[in-house]
Amino acid sequence: MRKGVLEYCILSILSRNDAYASSLLSELKAARMIVVEGTIYPLLTRQKNQGLLTYRWEESPQGPPRKYYSITDKGREVLAEMDSAWSELVETIGRLRNDKESRY
């Protein structure tokens, strides 16, 4: 489940602007999402291989060039599906929690 949520978070971040892996990690950590480099790189590669992301190299003023990831049109479609699924999940859990609380 966590992997799916992490994939959803990455697509969400990249739907706002392009980013390189370290900046994605920083944003996820700032949101209190527990993730390590060893997790994010294979995930980014998998999403790229699925056609959800693309990347380009850019020179960096500090060190080696950086690989910037961008969401593709297919990635935006998958993100829209994930948004819908997430909303349904939150609604379902809310109903279940409310039913549980009303029984006691």
Protein backbone atom coordinates (compact mmCIF):
# COMPACT_ATOMS: atom_id res chain seq x y z
CA MET A 1 0.00 0.00 0.00
CA ARG A 2 2.82 2.37 0.90
CA LYS A 3 4.46 1.88 -2.50
CA GLY A 4 1.24 2.89 -4.26
CA VAL A 5 0.89 5.96 -2.07
CA LEU A 6 4.49 6.92 -2.76
CA GLU A 7 3.92 6.57 -6.52
CA TYR A 8 0.83 8.77 -6.16
CA CYS A 9 2.81 11.38 -4.18
CA ILE A 10 5.59 11.50 -6.79
CA LEU A 11 3.13 12.00 -9.65
CA SER A 12 1.35 14.68 -7.60
CA ILE A 13 4.58 16.59 -6.96
CA LEU A 14 5.68 16.34 -10.58
CA SER A 15 2.27 17.52 -11.80
CA ARG A 16 3.14 20.90 -10.24
CA ASN A 17 6.72 21.20 -11.57
CA ASP A 18 9.67 19.20 -12.80
CA ALA A 19 12.07 18.03 -10.11
CA TYR A 20 15.21 15.99 -9.56
CA ALA A 21 15.32 13.03 -7.18
CA SER A 22 16.89 14.87 -4.23
CA SER A 23 14.29 17.62 -4.37
CA LEU A 24 11.53 14.98 -4.51
CA LEU A 25 13.01 13.33 -1.43
CA SER A 26 13.18 16.68 0.38
CA GLU A 27 9.56 17.48 -0.43
CA LEU A 28 8.38 14.04 0.68
CA LYS A 29 10.35 14.29 3.93
CA ALA A 30 8.98 17.81 4.56
CA ALA A 31 5.50 16.27 4.28
CA ARG A 32 6.61 13.66 6.87
CA MET A 33 6.57 10.83 4.36
CA ILE A 34 9.22 8.30 5.36
CA VAL A 35 11.28 7.48 2.29
CA VAL A 36 14.94 6.79 1.51
CA GLU A 37 17.02 7.18 -1.65
CA GLY A 38 17.12 3.41 -2.16
CA THR A 39 13.34 3.43 -2.49
CA ILE A 40 12.81 6.42 -4.74
CA TYR A 41 15.29 5.70 -7.54
CA PRO A 42 13.84 2.29 -8.53
CA LEU A 43 10.35 3.78 -8.32
CA LEU A 44 11.29 6.67 -10.63
CA THR A 45 12.83 4.20 -13.09
CA ARG A 46 9.71 2.03 -13.00
CA GLN A 47 7.44 5.04 -13.60
CA LYS A 48 9.68 6.15 -16.48
CA ASN A 49 9.57 2.66 -18.01
CA GLN A 50 5.76 2.71 -17.73
CA GLY A 51 5.70 5.97 -19.69
CA LEU A 52 4.43 8.02 -16.73
CA LEU A 53 7.59 10.13 -16.48
CA THR A 54 10.32 11.41 -18.71
CA TYR A 55 13.59 13.09 -17.79
CA ARG A 56 16.20 15.50 -19.05
CA TRP A 57 19.69 16.36 -17.86
CA GLU A 58 20.47 19.91 -16.70
CA GLU A 59 23.76 21.40 -15.64
CA SER A 60 23.92 22.22 -11.96
CA PRO A 61 25.71 25.25 -10.49
CA GLN A 62 26.70 22.94 -7.61
CA GLY A 63 28.24 19.69 -8.79
CA PRO A 64 27.37 17.26 -11.57
CA PRO A 65 24.39 17.59 -13.94
CA ARG A 66 20.97 16.75 -12.49
CA LYS A 67 18.33 14.46 -13.94
CA TYR A 68 15.03 16.38 -13.89
CA TYR A 69 11.86 14.30 -14.05
CA SER A 70 8.60 15.49 -15.66
CA ILE A 71 5.18 13.92 -15.77
CA THR A 72 3.92 12.78 -19.20
CA ASP A 73 0.38 12.96 -20.56
CA LYS A 74 -0.03 9.29 -19.68
CA GLY A 75 1.25 10.11 -16.17
CA ARG A 76 -1.40 12.83 -15.85
CA GLU A 77 -4.08 10.33 -16.86
CA VAL A 78 -2.86 7.83 -14.26
CA LEU A 79 -2.71 10.63 -11.67
CA ALA A 80 -6.35 11.54 -12.42
CA GLU A 81 -7.32 7.88 -11.90
CA MET A 82 -5.35 7.82 -8.63
CA ASP A 83 -7.05 11.04 -7.49
CA SER A 84 -10.43 9.43 -8.07
CA ALA A 85 -9.45 6.19 -6.33
CA TRP A 86 -8.02 8.15 -3.39
CA SER A 87 -11.23 10.17 -2.99
CA GLU A 88 -13.31 6.97 -3.04
CA LEU A 89 -11.01 5.35 -0.48
CA VAL A 90 -11.18 8.33 1.89
CA GLU A 91 -14.97 8.43 1.55
CA THR A 92 -15.29 4.68 2.22
CA ILE A 93 -13.03 4.81 5.26
CA GLY A 94 -14.94 7.82 6.54
CA ARG A 95 -18.22 5.89 6.27
CA LEU A 96 -16.72 2.86 8.01
CA ARG A 97 -15.33 4.99 10.83
CA ASN A 98 -18.62 6.83 11.28
CA ASP A 99 -20.54 3.53 11.33
CA LYS A 100 -18.15 2.17 13.94
CA GLU A 101 -18.49 5.26 16.13
CA SER A 102 -22.30 5.27 15.91
CA ARG A 103 -22.44 1.67 17.18
CA TYR A 104 -20.79 2.47 20.50
